[in-house]
Amino acid sequence: MNTTSLSWNPATDLAAMWHYAFMRHGFEAGTIIAIVAGAIGYFVVLRQSAFAAHALSHAGFAGAAGAVLLGLPAMAGLLAFTIGGGIIMAILGPRAANRDVHIGTVLAFMLGLGLLFLSLYHGYATEAYSILFGDILGVSYSGVVMTLVIALVLLALVVAIYRPLLLSCLDEEIAEARGLPVFWLSIAFMVLVAVATSIAVQVVGVLLIFALMVTPAAIAQRIARRPAQGMAISILIALGATWFGLIMSFYCPWPPSFFITTVTFVIYICVRIGQAVR
């Protein structure tokens, strides 16, 4: 990204990066997205719905391709398809026992649609292809504002349904026995994951969504003793990985998503090794 090399003075390095608007916007959007991904990702891991997050990211790519075909913003198609796909998955697979089968079915259909949309488009779908690997350094000021608004809504909803959502993620049968609307909680959860996935692909892309939505939460689940503590750890790991990726991409000709995935993977391996040794 930049021919400037890292110095021994972090303040100087930060000032050099902050001089560029694209870096400021990248840090702003990356910070917002990392907080959302870390928080909602914890419920994804707790509910054992990592495959759902993966499927929704691919559904989002199909929506982005369709939006580009129609001359609409890629983010509009991304949100429409992830939310629609999330609702369909929740309706088809309300029980964990057969949930993966229904998610896989929806994923295959969405991938087929994405392929159709790309084949019908005769131009160069740069915006749609960038969703595959992320383009956090291409986020504009308006994109940061939109991301912030969406994030605040998502976090407010998480706070509002925190306790019933937590119980339904831990044990659906007990939650149902206590009179909680498990079916509607499942739909609400999938919508939350869908929207969070849509904004997270700006950082790591469709193909690497696990780096922010799943891996930090998987690490947190192994070392935290309480759900709130686990969510906090998940957010901190996602933040640290995102900031590190942005800093390194400024001084190296490699994308931020590479560094983000590497950091989260290394931490996960270290945690697993540490637990095995103990």
C-alpha atoms as a PDB file:
ATOM      1  CA  MET A   1       0.000   0.000   0.000  1.00  0.00           C
ATOM      2  CA  ASN A   2       2.818   2.370   0.882  1.00  0.00           C
ATOM      3  CA  THR A   3       6.589   2.445   0.384  1.00  0.00           C
ATOM      4  CA  THR A   4       7.070   4.002   3.832  1.00  0.00           C
ATOM      5  CA  SER A   5       8.587   1.639   6.375  1.00  0.00           C
ATOM      6  CA  LEU A   6       7.641   1.213  10.002  1.00  0.00           C
ATOM      7  CA  SER A   7       9.655   3.234  12.490  1.00  0.00           C
ATOM      8  CA  TRP A   8      10.331   2.764  16.189  1.00  0.00           C
ATOM      9  CA  ASN A   9       7.965   5.626  16.974  1.00  0.00           C
ATOM     10  CA  PRO A  10       4.310   4.465  16.949  1.00  0.00           C
ATOM     11  CA  ALA A  11       3.076   8.058  17.169  1.00  0.00           C
ATOM     12  CA  THR A  12       4.913   8.958  13.967  1.00  0.00           C
ATOM     13  CA  ASP A  13       3.593   5.880  12.178  1.00  0.00           C
ATOM     14  CA  LEU A  14       0.020   6.627  13.269  1.00  0.00           C
ATOM     15  CA  ALA A  15       0.294  10.250  12.176  1.00  0.00           C
ATOM     16  CA  ALA A  16       1.592   9.149   8.763  1.00  0.00           C
ATOM     17  CA  MET A  17      -1.371   6.821   8.268  1.00  0.00           C
ATOM     18  CA  TRP A  18      -3.901   9.297   9.625  1.00  0.00           C
ATOM     19  CA  HIS A  19      -2.794  11.790   7.005  1.00  0.00           C
ATOM     20  CA  TYR A  20      -4.729   9.848   4.360  1.00  0.00           C
ATOM     21  CA  ALA A  21      -8.520   9.973   4.284  1.00  0.00           C
ATOM     22  CA  PHE A  22      -8.843   6.387   3.065  1.00  0.00           C
ATOM     23  CA  MET A  23      -6.912   5.156   6.115  1.00  0.00           C
ATOM     24  CA  ARG A  24      -9.038   7.213   8.505  1.00  0.00           C
ATOM     25  CA  HIS A  25     -12.218   5.878   6.952  1.00  0.00           C
ATOM     26  CA  GLY A  26     -10.784   2.349   6.994  1.00  0.00           C
ATOM     27  CA  PHE A  27     -10.018   2.558  10.698  1.00  0.00           C
ATOM     28  CA  GLU A  28     -13.411   4.066  11.478  1.00  0.00           C
ATOM     29  CA  ALA A  29     -15.387   1.482   9.514  1.00  0.00           C
ATOM     30  CA  GLY A  30     -13.112  -1.352  10.633  1.00  0.00           C
ATOM     31  CA  THR A  31     -13.551  -0.459  14.300  1.00  0.00           C
ATOM     32  CA  ILE A  32     -17.334  -0.312  13.992  1.00  0.00           C
ATOM     33  CA  ILE A  33     -17.534  -3.592  12.093  1.00  0.00           C
ATOM     34  CA  ALA A  34     -15.150  -5.395  14.449  1.00  0.00           C
ATOM     35  CA  ILE A  35     -17.319  -4.493  17.445  1.00  0.00           C
ATOM     36  CA  VAL A  36     -20.476  -5.730  15.731  1.00  0.00           C
ATOM     37  CA  ALA A  37     -18.843  -8.886  14.361  1.00  0.00           C
ATOM     38  CA  GLY A  38     -17.282  -9.716  17.716  1.00  0.00           C
ATOM     39  CA  ALA A  39     -20.553  -9.266  19.596  1.00  0.00           C
ATOM     40  CA  ILE A  40     -22.902 -11.072  17.228  1.00  0.00           C
ATOM     41  CA  GLY A  41     -20.253 -13.620  16.297  1.00  0.00           C
ATOM     42  CA  TYR A  42     -20.229 -14.809  19.901  1.00  0.00           C
ATOM     43  CA  PHE A  43     -23.880 -15.817  19.585  1.00  0.00           C
ATOM     44  CA  VAL A  44     -23.096 -17.459  16.224  1.00  0.00           C
ATOM     45  CA  VAL A  45     -20.524 -19.731  17.860  1.00  0.00           C
ATOM     46  CA  LEU A  46     -22.683 -20.307  20.940  1.00  0.00           C
ATOM     47  CA  ARG A  47     -25.583 -21.365  18.717  1.00  0.00           C
ATOM     48  CA  GLN A  48     -23.262 -23.461  16.516  1.00  0.00           C
ATOM     49  CA  SER A  49     -24.325 -21.489  13.447  1.00  0.00           C
ATOM     50  CA  ALA A  50     -20.949 -20.844  11.833  1.00  0.00           C
ATOM     51  CA  PHE A  51     -22.149 -22.549   8.661  1.00  0.00           C
ATOM     52  CA  ALA A  52     -25.101 -20.148   8.569  1.00  0.00           C
ATOM     53  CA  ALA A  53     -22.795 -17.119   8.653  1.00  0.00           C
ATOM     54  CA  HIS A  54     -20.753 -18.653   5.844  1.00  0.00           C
ATOM     55  CA  ALA A  55     -23.869 -19.335   3.781  1.00  0.00           C
ATOM     56  CA  LEU A  56     -25.221 -15.821   4.321  1.00  0.00           C
ATOM     57  CA  SER A  57     -21.982 -14.277   3.123  1.00  0.00           C
ATOM     58  CA  HIS A  58     -22.292 -16.188  -0.145  1.00  0.00           C
ATOM     59  CA  ALA A  59     -25.946 -15.214  -0.418  1.00  0.00           C
ATOM     60  CA  GLY A  60     -24.771 -11.635  -0.041  1.00  0.00           C
ATOM     61  CA  PHE A  61     -22.412 -12.051  -2.964  1.00  0.00           C
ATOM     62  CA  ALA A  62     -25.314 -13.246  -5.119  1.00  0.00           C
ATOM     63  CA  GLY A  63     -27.309 -10.187  -4.044  1.00  0.00           C
ATOM     64  CA  ALA A  64     -24.409  -7.863  -4.825  1.00  0.00           C
ATOM     65  CA  ALA A  65     -24.051  -9.408  -8.276  1.00  0.00           C
ATOM     66  CA  GLY A  66     -27.779  -8.983  -8.893  1.00  0.00           C
ATOM     67  CA  ALA A  67     -27.667  -5.366  -7.772  1.00  0.00           C
ATOM     68  CA  VAL A  68     -24.768  -4.625 -10.127  1.00  0.00           C
ATOM     69  CA  LEU A  69     -26.729  -6.245 -12.959  1.00  0.00           C
ATOM     70  CA  LEU A  70     -29.674  -3.925 -12.243  1.00  0.00           C
ATOM     71  CA  GLY A  71     -27.465  -0.851 -11.841  1.00  0.00           C
ATOM     72  CA  LEU A  72     -28.091  -0.597  -8.096  1.00  0.00           C
ATOM     73  CA  PRO A  73     -25.563  -0.220  -5.238  1.00  0.00           C
ATOM     74  CA  ALA A  74     -23.971  -3.546  -4.394  1.00  0.00           C
ATOM     75  CA  MET A  75     -24.672  -3.033  -0.674  1.00  0.00           C
ATOM     76  CA  ALA A  76     -28.411  -2.856  -1.359  1.00  0.00           C
ATOM     77  CA  GLY A  77     -28.386  -6.269  -2.992  1.00  0.00           C
ATOM     78  CA  LEU A  78     -26.074  -7.590  -0.306  1.00  0.00           C
ATOM     79  CA  LEU A  79     -28.472  -6.617   2.484  1.00  0.00           C
ATOM     80  CA  ALA A  80     -31.563  -7.807   0.618  1.00  0.00           C
ATOM     81  CA  PHE A  81     -30.215 -11.277  -0.091  1.00  0.00           C
ATOM     82  CA  THR A  82     -28.604 -11.869   3.286  1.00  0.00           C
ATOM     83  CA  ILE A  83     -31.735 -10.824   5.176  1.00  0.00           C
ATOM     84  CA  GLY A  84     -33.994 -12.803   2.838  1.00  0.00           C
ATOM     85  CA  GLY A  85     -31.709 -15.823   2.985  1.00  0.00           C
ATOM     86  CA  GLY A  86     -31.491 -15.594   6.778  1.00  0.00           C
ATOM     87  CA  ILE A  87     -35.256 -15.549   7.167  1.00  0.00           C
ATOM     88  CA  ILE A  88     -35.660 -18.525   4.816  1.00  0.00           C
ATOM     89  CA  MET A  89     -33.011 -20.496   6.744  1.00  0.00           C
ATOM     90  CA  ALA A  90     -34.730 -19.732  10.055  1.00  0.00           C
ATOM     91  CA  ILE A  91     -38.135 -20.832   8.737  1.00  0.00           C
ATOM     92  CA  LEU A  92     -36.859 -24.028   7.089  1.00  0.00           C
ATOM     93  CA  GLY A  93     -34.586 -25.082   9.933  1.00  0.00           C
ATOM     94  CA  PRO A  94     -36.056 -24.051  13.285  1.00  0.00           C
ATOM     95  CA  ARG A  95     -34.393 -27.033  14.992  1.00  0.00           C
ATOM     96  CA  ALA A  96     -30.644 -27.550  15.256  1.00  0.00           C
ATOM     97  CA  ALA A  97     -30.880 -31.230  14.296  1.00  0.00           C
ATOM     98  CA  ASN A  98     -31.590 -30.594  10.598  1.00  0.00           C
ATOM     99  CA  ARG A  99     -30.512 -26.968  10.319  1.00  0.00           C
ATOM    100  CA  ASP A 100     -27.323 -27.625   8.307  1.00  0.00           C
ATOM    101  CA  VAL A 101     -29.251 -29.449   5.573  1.00  0.00           C
ATOM    102  CA  HIS A 102     -31.576 -26.490   5.000  1.00  0.00           C
ATOM    103  CA  ILE A 103     -28.719 -23.984   5.173  1.00  0.00           C
ATOM    104  CA  GLY A 104     -26.789 -25.980   2.571  1.00  0.00           C
ATOM    105  CA  THR A 105     -29.832 -26.060   0.306  1.00  0.00           C
ATOM    106  CA  VAL A 106     -30.297 -22.292   0.494  1.00  0.00           C
ATOM    107  CA  LEU A 107     -26.544 -21.773  -0.018  1.00  0.00           C
ATOM    108  CA  ALA A 108     -26.515 -23.842  -3.207  1.00  0.00           C
ATOM    109  CA  PHE A 109     -29.495 -21.921  -4.606  1.00  0.00           C
ATOM    110  CA  MET A 110     -27.928 -18.549  -3.789  1.00  0.00           C
ATOM    111  CA  LEU A 111     -24.625 -19.507  -5.383  1.00  0.00           C
ATOM    112  CA  GLY A 112     -26.493 -20.546  -8.514  1.00  0.00           C
ATOM    113  CA  LEU A 113     -28.237 -17.176  -8.630  1.00  0.00           C
ATOM    114  CA  GLY A 114     -24.925 -15.377  -8.183  1.00  0.00           C
ATOM    115  CA  LEU A 115     -23.417 -17.283 -11.087  1.00  0.00           C
ATOM    116  CA  LEU A 116     -26.450 -16.447 -13.255  1.00  0.00           C
ATOM    117  CA  PHE A 117     -26.247 -12.718 -12.426  1.00  0.00           C
ATOM    118  CA  LEU A 118     -22.534 -12.578 -13.231  1.00  0.00           C
ATOM    119  CA  SER A 119     -23.025 -14.396 -16.536  1.00  0.00           C
ATOM    120  CA  LEU A 120     -25.764 -11.940 -17.546  1.00  0.00           C
ATOM    121  CA  TYR A 121     -23.629  -8.901 -16.716  1.00  0.00           C
ATOM    122  CA  HIS A 122     -21.392  -7.958 -19.647  1.00  0.00           C
ATOM    123  CA  GLY A 123     -19.364  -5.262 -17.918  1.00  0.00           C
ATOM    124  CA  TYR A 124     -16.627  -5.504 -15.316  1.00  0.00           C
ATOM    125  CA  ALA A 125     -18.366  -5.982 -11.968  1.00  0.00           C
ATOM    126  CA  THR A 126     -15.593  -4.491  -9.844  1.00  0.00           C
ATOM    127  CA  GLU A 127     -17.872  -3.680  -6.914  1.00  0.00           C
ATOM    128  CA  ALA A 128     -19.319  -7.169  -6.770  1.00  0.00           C
ATOM    129  CA  TYR A 129     -15.932  -8.880  -7.052  1.00  0.00           C
ATOM    130  CA  SER A 130     -14.456  -6.692  -4.292  1.00  0.00           C
ATOM    131  CA  ILE A 131     -17.017  -8.216  -1.935  1.00  0.00           C
ATOM    132  CA  LEU A 132     -15.276 -11.573  -2.320  1.00  0.00           C
ATOM    133  CA  PHE A 133     -12.119 -10.424  -0.520  1.00  0.00           C
ATOM    134  CA  GLY A 134     -13.120  -7.144   1.139  1.00  0.00           C
ATOM    135  CA  ASP A 135     -12.166  -3.567   0.356  1.00  0.00           C
ATOM    136  CA  ILE A 136     -12.057  -1.736   3.674  1.00  0.00           C
ATOM    137  CA  LEU A 137      -9.637   0.879   2.337  1.00  0.00           C
ATOM    138  CA  GLY A 138     -12.190   1.806  -0.310  1.00  0.00           C
ATOM    139  CA  VAL A 139     -14.920   2.803   2.173  1.00  0.00           C
ATOM    140  CA  SER A 140     -16.053   6.401   1.778  1.00  0.00           C
ATOM    141  CA  TYR A 141     -17.198   8.829   4.482  1.00  0.00           C
ATOM    142  CA  SER A 142     -20.833   8.136   3.611  1.00  0.00           C
ATOM    143  CA  GLY A 143     -20.079   4.427   3.865  1.00  0.00           C
ATOM    144  CA  VAL A 144     -18.667   4.937   7.354  1.00  0.00           C
ATOM    145  CA  VAL A 145     -21.799   6.829   8.407  1.00  0.00           C
ATOM    146  CA  MET A 146     -24.079   4.134   6.980  1.00  0.00           C
ATOM    147  CA  THR A 147     -22.033   1.431   8.714  1.00  0.00           C
ATOM    148  CA  LEU A 148     -22.266   3.315  12.017  1.00  0.00           C
ATOM    149  CA  VAL A 149     -26.052   3.690  11.782  1.00  0.00           C
ATOM    150  CA  ILE A 150     -26.517   0.005  10.963  1.00  0.00           C
ATOM    151  CA  ALA A 151     -24.152  -1.011  13.762  1.00  0.00           C
ATOM    152  CA  LEU A 152     -25.969   1.069  16.369  1.00  0.00           C
ATOM    153  CA  VAL A 153     -29.287  -0.501  15.388  1.00  0.00           C
ATOM    154  CA  LEU A 154     -27.814  -4.006  15.551  1.00  0.00           C
ATOM    155  CA  LEU A 155     -26.196  -3.455  18.947  1.00  0.00           C
ATOM    156  CA  ALA A 156     -29.399  -1.941  20.323  1.00  0.00           C
ATOM    157  CA  LEU A 157     -31.339  -5.023  19.205  1.00  0.00           C
ATOM    158  CA  VAL A 158     -28.737  -7.333  20.757  1.00  0.00           C
ATOM    159  CA  VAL A 159     -29.078  -5.503  24.080  1.00  0.00           C
ATOM    160  CA  ALA A 160     -32.891  -5.634  23.859  1.00  0.00           C
ATOM    161  CA  ILE A 161     -33.087  -9.415  23.325  1.00  0.00           C
ATOM    162  CA  TYR A 162     -29.839 -10.402  25.070  1.00  0.00           C
ATOM    163  CA  ARG A 163     -31.229 -12.652  27.814  1.00  0.00           C
ATOM    164  CA  PRO A 164     -33.842 -14.602  25.783  1.00  0.00           C
ATOM    165  CA  LEU A 165     -31.426 -14.884  22.846  1.00  0.00           C
ATOM    166  CA  LEU A 166     -28.684 -16.193  25.132  1.00  0.00           C
ATOM    167  CA  LEU A 167     -30.981 -18.821  26.631  1.00  0.00           C
ATOM    168  CA  SER A 168     -32.259 -19.955  23.231  1.00  0.00           C
ATOM    169  CA  CYS A 169     -28.664 -20.256  21.989  1.00  0.00           C
ATOM    170  CA  LEU A 170     -27.663 -22.360  24.997  1.00  0.00           C
ATOM    171  CA  ASP A 171     -30.701 -24.652  25.017  1.00  0.00           C
ATOM    172  CA  GLU A 172     -33.690 -24.205  22.731  1.00  0.00           C
ATOM    173  CA  GLU A 173     -35.815 -26.776  24.552  1.00  0.00           C
ATOM    174  CA  ILE A 174     -35.440 -25.087  27.928  1.00  0.00           C
ATOM    175  CA  ALA A 175     -36.127 -21.706  26.344  1.00  0.00           C
ATOM    176  CA  GLU A 176     -39.289 -23.074  24.745  1.00  0.00           C
ATOM    177  CA  ALA A 177     -40.369 -24.688  28.018  1.00  0.00           C
ATOM    178  CA  ARG A 178     -40.060 -21.299  29.704  1.00  0.00           C
ATOM    179  CA  GLY A 179     -42.446 -19.803  27.173  1.00  0.00           C
ATOM    180  CA  LEU A 180     -39.935 -17.894  25.068  1.00  0.00           C
ATOM    181  CA  PRO A 181     -40.862 -17.378  21.379  1.00  0.00           C
ATOM    182  CA  VAL A 182     -38.020 -19.576  20.096  1.00  0.00           C
ATOM    183  CA  PHE A 183     -39.192 -19.462  16.474  1.00  0.00           C
ATOM    184  CA  TRP A 184     -39.276 -15.661  16.357  1.00  0.00           C
ATOM    185  CA  LEU A 185     -36.004 -15.450  18.255  1.00  0.00           C
ATOM    186  CA  SER A 186     -34.481 -17.683  15.597  1.00  0.00           C
ATOM    187  CA  ILE A 187     -35.699 -15.378  12.845  1.00  0.00           C
ATOM    188  CA  ALA A 188     -34.489 -12.297  14.726  1.00  0.00           C
ATOM    189  CA  PHE A 189     -31.115 -13.940  15.276  1.00  0.00           C
ATOM    190  CA  MET A 190     -30.689 -14.822  11.602  1.00  0.00           C
ATOM    191  CA  VAL A 191     -31.593 -11.263  10.577  1.00  0.00           C
ATOM    192  CA  LEU A 192     -28.970  -9.931  13.002  1.00  0.00           C
ATOM    193  CA  VAL A 193     -26.362 -12.303  11.570  1.00  0.00           C
ATOM    194  CA  ALA A 194     -27.391 -11.399   8.024  1.00  0.00           C
ATOM    195  CA  VAL A 195     -26.960  -7.660   8.536  1.00  0.00           C
ATOM    196  CA  ALA A 196     -23.747  -8.108  10.529  1.00  0.00           C
ATOM    197  CA  THR A 197     -22.367 -10.310   7.760  1.00  0.00           C
ATOM    198  CA  SER A 198     -23.311  -7.718   5.157  1.00  0.00           C
ATOM    199  CA  ILE A 199     -21.262  -4.986   6.792  1.00  0.00           C
ATOM    200  CA  ALA A 200     -18.412  -7.333   7.809  1.00  0.00           C
ATOM    201  CA  VAL A 201     -17.683  -8.348   4.209  1.00  0.00           C
ATOM    202  CA  GLN A 202     -16.375  -4.827   3.668  1.00  0.00           C
ATOM    203  CA  VAL A 203     -13.390  -5.775   5.835  1.00  0.00           C
ATOM    204  CA  VAL A 204     -12.619  -9.403   5.032  1.00  0.00           C
ATOM    205  CA  GLY A 205     -14.901 -10.248   2.129  1.00  0.00           C
ATOM    206  CA  VAL A 206     -17.264 -13.129   1.526  1.00  0.00           C
ATOM    207  CA  LEU A 207     -14.574 -15.812   1.360  1.00  0.00           C
ATOM    208  CA  LEU A 208     -12.886 -14.825   4.638  1.00  0.00           C
ATOM    209  CA  ILE A 209     -15.910 -13.911   6.765  1.00  0.00           C
ATOM    210  CA  PHE A 210     -14.944 -16.477   9.430  1.00  0.00           C
ATOM    211  CA  ALA A 211     -11.958 -14.302  10.402  1.00  0.00           C
ATOM    212  CA  LEU A 212     -14.216 -11.725  12.064  1.00  0.00           C
ATOM    213  CA  MET A 213     -17.548 -13.443  12.610  1.00  0.00           C
ATOM    214  CA  VAL A 214     -16.397 -16.814  13.945  1.00  0.00           C
ATOM    215  CA  THR A 215     -12.720 -17.141  14.904  1.00  0.00           C
ATOM    216  CA  PRO A 216     -12.579 -14.380  17.589  1.00  0.00           C
ATOM    217  CA  ALA A 217     -15.762 -15.751  19.150  1.00  0.00           C
ATOM    218  CA  ALA A 218     -14.420 -19.317  19.000  1.00  0.00           C
ATOM    219  CA  ILE A 219     -11.311 -18.147  20.867  1.00  0.00           C
ATOM    220  CA  ALA A 220     -13.400 -16.280  23.428  1.00  0.00           C
ATOM    221  CA  GLN A 221     -15.630 -19.269  24.074  1.00  0.00           C
ATOM    222  CA  ARG A 222     -12.578 -21.343  25.011  1.00  0.00           C
ATOM    223  CA  ILE A 223     -11.103 -18.896  27.523  1.00  0.00           C
ATOM    224  CA  ALA A 224     -14.114 -17.027  28.948  1.00  0.00           C
ATOM    225  CA  ARG A 225     -16.129 -18.210  31.930  1.00  0.00           C
ATOM    226  CA  ARG A 226     -19.194 -16.017  31.435  1.00  0.00           C
ATOM    227  CA  PRO A 227     -21.111 -14.961  28.296  1.00  0.00           C
ATOM    228  CA  ALA A 228     -20.545 -11.235  28.844  1.00  0.00           C
ATOM    229  CA  GLN A 229     -16.840 -11.845  29.345  1.00  0.00           C
ATOM    230  CA  GLY A 230     -16.736 -13.992  26.223  1.00  0.00           C
ATOM    231  CA  MET A 231     -18.423 -11.322  24.149  1.00  0.00           C
ATOM    232  CA  ALA A 232     -15.951  -8.705  25.405  1.00  0.00           C
ATOM    233  CA  ILE A 233     -12.972 -10.923  24.551  1.00  0.00           C
ATOM    234  CA  SER A 234     -14.413 -11.654  21.112  1.00  0.00           C
ATOM    235  CA  ILE A 235     -14.777  -7.923  20.420  1.00  0.00           C
ATOM    236  CA  LEU A 236     -11.237  -7.165  21.629  1.00  0.00           C
ATOM    237  CA  ILE A 237      -9.711  -9.866  19.418  1.00  0.00           C
ATOM    238  CA  ALA A 238     -11.692  -8.691  16.384  1.00  0.00           C
ATOM    239  CA  LEU A 239     -10.627  -5.097  17.057  1.00  0.00           C
ATOM    240  CA  GLY A 240      -6.968  -5.978  17.524  1.00  0.00           C
ATOM    241  CA  ALA A 241      -6.866  -8.105  14.368  1.00  0.00           C
ATOM    242  CA  THR A 242      -8.595  -5.415  12.305  1.00  0.00           C
ATOM    243  CA  TRP A 243      -6.324  -2.622  13.507  1.00  0.00           C
ATOM    244  CA  PHE A 244      -3.232  -4.752  12.969  1.00  0.00           C
ATOM    245  CA  GLY A 245      -4.389  -5.649   9.464  1.00  0.00           C
ATOM    246  CA  LEU A 246      -4.983  -2.014   8.545  1.00  0.00           C
ATOM    247  CA  ILE A 247      -1.624  -0.892   9.929  1.00  0.00           C
ATOM    248  CA  MET A 248       0.331  -3.626   8.173  1.00  0.00           C
ATOM    249  CA  SER A 249      -1.486  -3.107   4.871  1.00  0.00           C
ATOM    250  CA  PHE A 250      -0.358   0.525   4.899  1.00  0.00           C
ATOM    251  CA  TYR A 251       3.284  -0.500   5.012  1.00  0.00           C
ATOM    252  CA  CYS A 252       3.084  -3.751   3.032  1.00  0.00           C
ATOM    253  CA  PRO A 253       1.655  -4.440  -0.441  1.00  0.00           C
ATOM    254  CA  TRP A 254      -0.732  -7.046   0.958  1.00  0.00           C
ATOM    255  CA  PRO A 255      -4.468  -6.699   1.705  1.00  0.00           C
ATOM    256  CA  PRO A 256      -5.735  -6.139   5.277  1.00  0.00           C
ATOM    257  CA  SER A 257      -7.842  -9.299   5.112  1.00  0.00           C
ATOM    258  CA  PHE A 258      -4.690 -11.430   4.883  1.00  0.00           C
ATOM    259  CA  PHE A 259      -3.290 -10.014   8.105  1.00  0.00           C
ATOM    260  CA  ILE A 260      -6.659 -10.192   9.871  1.00  0.00           C
ATOM    261  CA  THR A 261      -7.149 -13.861   9.046  1.00  0.00           C
ATOM    262  CA  THR A 262      -3.550 -14.665   9.976  1.00  0.00           C
ATOM    263  CA  VAL A 263      -3.763 -12.951  13.390  1.00  0.00           C
ATOM    264  CA  THR A 264      -7.026 -14.627  14.371  1.00  0.00           C
ATOM    265  CA  PHE A 265      -5.814 -18.024  13.167  1.00  0.00           C
ATOM    266  CA  VAL A 266      -2.520 -17.779  15.061  1.00  0.00           C
ATOM    267  CA  ILE A 267      -4.303 -16.742  18.268  1.00  0.00           C
ATOM    268  CA  TYR A 268      -6.751 -19.623  17.913  1.00  0.00           C
ATOM    269  CA  ILE A 269      -3.927 -22.144  17.403  1.00  0.00           C
ATOM    270  CA  CYS A 270      -1.997 -20.737  20.383  1.00  0.00           C
ATOM    271  CA  VAL A 271      -5.076 -21.013  22.610  1.00  0.00           C
ATOM    272  CA  ARG A 272      -5.688 -24.597  21.515  1.00  0.00           C
ATOM    273  CA  ILE A 273      -2.044 -25.534  22.123  1.00  0.00           C
ATOM    274  CA  GLY A 274      -2.042 -23.797  25.501  1.00  0.00           C
ATOM    275  CA  GLN A 275      -5.165 -25.665  26.591  1.00  0.00           C
ATOM    276  CA  ALA A 276      -3.749 -28.981  25.369  1.00  0.00           C
ATOM    277  CA  VAL A 277      -0.539 -28.405  27.330  1.00  0.00           C
ATOM    278  CA  ARG A 278      -2.457 -27.561  30.513  1.00  0.00           C
END
